[in-house]
Amino acid sequence: MSKGTPTPLACPSEPDERAEAFVMMKLLPQEAESFLLHMADCESCWQRVATYDKYVRAMKAAATSLRGRGVPCSPPKVRSAAS
């Protein structure tokens, strides 16, 4: 590589978790920017993000549809081991 050419960023150690966090907007701004730059050169991570994005959109649409029919969409209460 010539001087001044940016080196490609390596895939994160846990690419699925990073892609999910990116889609759910749970990364810090600098982490999101770094991952976005990485995805510009990494088809695998880009595909992971596209898959998670499609899933999240489908779940949001399903929840909206169910709410429109009066079906509660909040998670069930979980009993703790102490109760």
N, C-alpha and C. Protein backbone atom coordinates (compact mmCIF):
# COMPACT_ATOMS: atom_id res chain seq x y z
N MET A 1 0.83 -1.18 0.00
CA MET A 1 0.00 0.00 0.00
C MET A 1 0.87 1.24 0.00
N SER A 2 0.42 2.23 -0.71
CA SER A 2 1.20 3.46 -0.75
C SER A 2 0.92 4.30 0.48
N LYS A 3 1.85 5.18 0.76
CA LYS A 3 1.70 6.04 1.92
C LYS A 3 0.46 6.92 1.74
N GLY A 4 -0.33 7.04 2.79
CA GLY A 4 -1.53 7.85 2.72
C GLY A 4 -2.78 7.05 2.37
N THR A 5 -2.59 5.78 1.91
CA THR A 5 -3.74 4.94 1.61
C THR A 5 -4.20 4.30 2.92
N PRO A 6 -5.47 4.48 3.28
CA PRO A 6 -5.91 3.90 4.54
C PRO A 6 -5.89 2.38 4.48
N THR A 7 -5.52 1.76 5.59
CA THR A 7 -5.54 0.30 5.65
C THR A 7 -6.95 -0.15 6.00
N PRO A 8 -7.40 -1.26 5.42
CA PRO A 8 -8.74 -1.75 5.76
C PRO A 8 -8.81 -2.14 7.23
N LEU A 9 -9.92 -1.84 7.84
CA LEU A 9 -10.11 -2.19 9.24
C LEU A 9 -10.45 -3.67 9.33
N ALA A 10 -9.88 -4.34 10.32
CA ALA A 10 -10.13 -5.76 10.50
C ALA A 10 -11.56 -5.98 11.01
N CYS A 11 -12.09 -7.17 10.70
CA CYS A 11 -13.42 -7.51 11.21
C CYS A 11 -13.38 -7.52 12.73
N PRO A 12 -14.46 -7.10 13.37
CA PRO A 12 -14.50 -7.17 14.83
C PRO A 12 -14.41 -8.62 15.29
N SER A 13 -13.98 -8.81 16.52
CA SER A 13 -13.84 -10.18 17.02
C SER A 13 -15.18 -10.91 17.10
N GLU A 14 -16.26 -10.19 17.29
CA GLU A 14 -17.60 -10.77 17.32
C GLU A 14 -18.47 -10.02 16.32
N PRO A 15 -18.34 -10.33 15.03
CA PRO A 15 -19.02 -9.54 14.00
C PRO A 15 -20.54 -9.55 14.09
N ASP A 16 -21.15 -10.66 14.52
CA ASP A 16 -22.61 -10.68 14.64
C ASP A 16 -23.08 -9.73 15.72
N GLU A 17 -22.41 -9.74 16.86
CA GLU A 17 -22.79 -8.85 17.95
C GLU A 17 -22.60 -7.38 17.55
N ARG A 18 -21.50 -7.10 16.83
CA ARG A 18 -21.24 -5.72 16.41
C ARG A 18 -22.28 -5.26 15.40
N ALA A 19 -22.65 -6.15 14.46
CA ALA A 19 -23.65 -5.80 13.45
C ALA A 19 -25.01 -5.55 14.11
N GLU A 20 -25.37 -6.40 15.07
CA GLU A 20 -26.64 -6.22 15.77
C GLU A 20 -26.63 -4.90 16.55
N ALA A 21 -25.55 -4.62 17.25
CA ALA A 21 -25.45 -3.37 18.01
C ALA A 21 -25.51 -2.16 17.08
N PHE A 22 -24.92 -2.27 15.90
CA PHE A 22 -24.96 -1.18 14.92
C PHE A 22 -26.40 -0.92 14.49
N VAL A 23 -27.12 -1.98 14.13
CA VAL A 23 -28.51 -1.84 13.68
C VAL A 23 -29.39 -1.29 14.80
N MET A 24 -29.15 -1.73 16.03
CA MET A 24 -29.97 -1.31 17.16
C MET A 24 -29.52 0.05 17.72
N MET A 25 -28.50 0.64 17.08
CA MET A 25 -27.95 1.95 17.47
C MET A 25 -27.48 1.95 18.93
N LYS A 26 -26.77 0.89 19.30
CA LYS A 26 -26.26 0.76 20.66
C LYS A 26 -24.74 0.99 20.73
N LEU A 27 -24.13 1.33 19.59
CA LEU A 27 -22.69 1.62 19.59
C LEU A 27 -22.47 3.09 19.92
N LEU A 28 -21.35 3.37 20.52
CA LEU A 28 -20.95 4.76 20.71
C LEU A 28 -20.73 5.37 19.33
N PRO A 29 -20.87 6.68 19.19
CA PRO A 29 -20.71 7.31 17.87
C PRO A 29 -19.40 6.95 17.18
N GLN A 30 -18.29 6.94 17.90
CA GLN A 30 -17.01 6.62 17.27
C GLN A 30 -16.94 5.14 16.88
N GLU A 31 -17.60 4.26 17.64
CA GLU A 31 -17.65 2.84 17.27
C GLU A 31 -18.48 2.64 16.01
N ALA A 32 -19.61 3.33 15.94
CA ALA A 32 -20.48 3.23 14.77
C ALA A 32 -19.76 3.74 13.52
N GLU A 33 -19.05 4.85 13.65
CA GLU A 33 -18.32 5.40 12.51
C GLU A 33 -17.23 4.44 12.06
N SER A 34 -16.51 3.87 12.99
CA SER A 34 -15.45 2.92 12.66
C SER A 34 -16.02 1.69 11.96
N PHE A 35 -17.15 1.17 12.47
CA PHE A 35 -17.76 0.00 11.86
C PHE A 35 -18.31 0.33 10.48
N LEU A 36 -18.85 1.51 10.31
CA LEU A 36 -19.35 1.95 9.01
C LEU A 36 -18.21 2.00 7.99
N LEU A 37 -17.08 2.54 8.39
CA LEU A 37 -15.91 2.57 7.51
C LEU A 37 -15.46 1.16 7.16
N HIS A 38 -15.49 0.27 8.15
CA HIS A 38 -15.11 -1.11 7.92
C HIS A 38 -16.04 -1.77 6.91
N MET A 39 -17.34 -1.55 7.05
CA MET A 39 -18.32 -2.18 6.16
C MET A 39 -18.15 -1.74 4.71
N ALA A 40 -17.58 -0.59 4.49
CA ALA A 40 -17.36 -0.12 3.12
C ALA A 40 -16.46 -1.08 2.34
N ASP A 41 -15.60 -1.82 3.06
CA ASP A 41 -14.68 -2.76 2.43
C ASP A 41 -14.95 -4.22 2.80
N CYS A 42 -15.97 -4.48 3.60
CA CYS A 42 -16.19 -5.84 4.08
C CYS A 42 -17.61 -6.30 3.74
N GLU A 43 -17.72 -7.09 2.71
CA GLU A 43 -19.02 -7.61 2.26
C GLU A 43 -19.68 -8.46 3.35
N SER A 44 -18.90 -9.23 4.07
CA SER A 44 -19.44 -10.11 5.10
C SER A 44 -20.15 -9.31 6.20
N CYS A 45 -19.51 -8.28 6.70
CA CYS A 45 -20.12 -7.46 7.76
C CYS A 45 -21.30 -6.67 7.21
N TRP A 46 -21.19 -6.19 5.96
CA TRP A 46 -22.30 -5.47 5.35
C TRP A 46 -23.52 -6.39 5.26
N GLN A 47 -23.31 -7.64 4.87
CA GLN A 47 -24.42 -8.59 4.78
C GLN A 47 -25.02 -8.88 6.15
N ARG A 48 -24.18 -8.97 7.17
CA ARG A 48 -24.70 -9.17 8.53
C ARG A 48 -25.63 -8.02 8.92
N VAL A 49 -25.18 -6.80 8.67
CA VAL A 49 -26.00 -5.64 9.00
C VAL A 49 -27.31 -5.66 8.21
N ALA A 50 -27.24 -5.98 6.93
CA ALA A 50 -28.45 -6.04 6.11
C ALA A 50 -29.42 -7.09 6.65
N THR A 51 -28.91 -8.22 7.09
CA THR A 51 -29.76 -9.28 7.64
C THR A 51 -30.42 -8.84 8.94
N TYR A 52 -29.64 -8.26 9.85
CA TYR A 52 -30.20 -7.79 11.12
C TYR A 52 -31.21 -6.66 10.88
N ASP A 53 -30.90 -5.77 9.95
CA ASP A 53 -31.80 -4.66 9.65
C ASP A 53 -33.15 -5.19 9.13
N LYS A 54 -33.09 -6.16 8.25
CA LYS A 54 -34.31 -6.76 7.70
C LYS A 54 -35.14 -7.40 8.82
N TYR A 55 -34.48 -8.11 9.71
CA TYR A 55 -35.16 -8.76 10.84
C TYR A 55 -35.81 -7.73 11.76
N VAL A 56 -35.08 -6.69 12.11
CA VAL A 56 -35.62 -5.66 13.02
C VAL A 56 -36.82 -4.98 12.38
N ARG A 57 -36.72 -4.66 11.11
CA ARG A 57 -37.85 -4.03 10.42
C ARG A 57 -39.08 -4.94 10.41
N ALA A 58 -38.86 -6.24 10.18
CA ALA A 58 -39.97 -7.19 10.17
C ALA A 58 -40.62 -7.29 11.55
N MET A 59 -39.82 -7.31 12.60
CA MET A 59 -40.36 -7.40 13.96
C MET A 59 -41.14 -6.14 14.33
N LYS A 60 -40.64 -4.98 13.92
CA LYS A 60 -41.35 -3.73 14.18
C LYS A 60 -42.68 -3.70 13.44
N ALA A 61 -42.67 -4.15 12.21
CA ALA A 61 -43.92 -4.19 11.42
C ALA A 61 -44.91 -5.15 12.05
N ALA A 62 -44.43 -6.32 12.51
CA ALA A 62 -45.32 -7.29 13.14
C ALA A 62 -45.90 -6.72 14.43
N ALA A 63 -45.09 -6.07 15.23
CA ALA A 63 -45.58 -5.47 16.48
C ALA A 63 -46.62 -4.39 16.20
N THR A 64 -46.37 -3.57 15.19
CA THR A 64 -47.33 -2.53 14.82
C THR A 64 -48.65 -3.15 14.37
N SER A 65 -48.56 -4.20 13.59
CA SER A 65 -49.76 -4.89 13.11
C SER A 65 -50.55 -5.49 14.27
N LEU A 66 -49.85 -6.11 15.19
CA LEU A 66 -50.53 -6.72 16.34
C LEU A 66 -51.16 -5.66 17.24
N ARG A 67 -50.45 -4.56 17.47
CA ARG A 67 -51.01 -3.48 18.28
C ARG A 67 -52.29 -2.94 17.65
N GLY A 68 -52.30 -2.86 16.33
CA GLY A 68 -53.48 -2.38 15.61
C GLY A 68 -54.68 -3.29 15.80
N ARG A 69 -54.43 -4.53 16.15
CA ARG A 69 -55.52 -5.49 16.39
C ARG A 69 -55.79 -5.68 17.88
N GLY A 70 -55.18 -4.85 18.70
CA GLY A 70 -55.43 -4.92 20.13
C GLY A 70 -54.64 -5.99 20.87
N VAL A 71 -53.65 -6.58 20.23
CA VAL A 71 -52.84 -7.61 20.88
C VAL A 71 -51.71 -6.91 21.63
N PRO A 72 -51.58 -7.17 22.95
CA PRO A 72 -50.49 -6.53 23.70
C PRO A 72 -49.14 -7.03 23.21
N CYS A 73 -48.19 -6.13 23.07
CA CYS A 73 -46.88 -6.50 22.53
C CYS A 73 -45.76 -6.30 23.53
N SER A 74 -46.09 -6.14 24.79
CA SER A 74 -45.02 -6.00 25.77
C SER A 74 -44.55 -7.39 26.17
N PRO A 75 -43.29 -7.50 26.56
CA PRO A 75 -42.78 -8.81 26.93
C PRO A 75 -43.47 -9.33 28.18
N PRO A 76 -43.61 -10.63 28.31
CA PRO A 76 -44.24 -11.18 29.50
C PRO A 76 -43.37 -10.94 30.73
N LYS A 77 -44.00 -10.87 31.88
CA LYS A 77 -43.25 -10.72 33.12
C LYS A 77 -42.57 -12.05 33.40
N VAL A 78 -41.32 -11.96 33.85
CA VAL A 78 -40.55 -13.14 34.16
C VAL A 78 -40.42 -13.26 35.65
N ARG A 79 -40.72 -14.43 36.15
CA ARG A 79 -40.61 -14.66 37.58
C ARG A 79 -39.13 -14.87 37.93
N SER A 80 -38.70 -14.21 38.98
CA SER A 80 -37.30 -14.39 39.40
C SER A 80 -37.18 -15.68 40.20
N ALA A 81 -35.99 -16.17 40.34
CA ALA A 81 -35.76 -17.42 41.08
C ALA A 81 -36.10 -17.25 42.55
N ALA A 82 -36.06 -16.02 43.05
CA ALA A 82 -36.33 -15.76 44.47
C ALA A 82 -37.82 -15.77 44.79
N SER A 83 -38.70 -15.60 43.78
CA SER A 83 -40.13 -15.52 44.11
C SER A 83 -40.83 -16.84 44.08
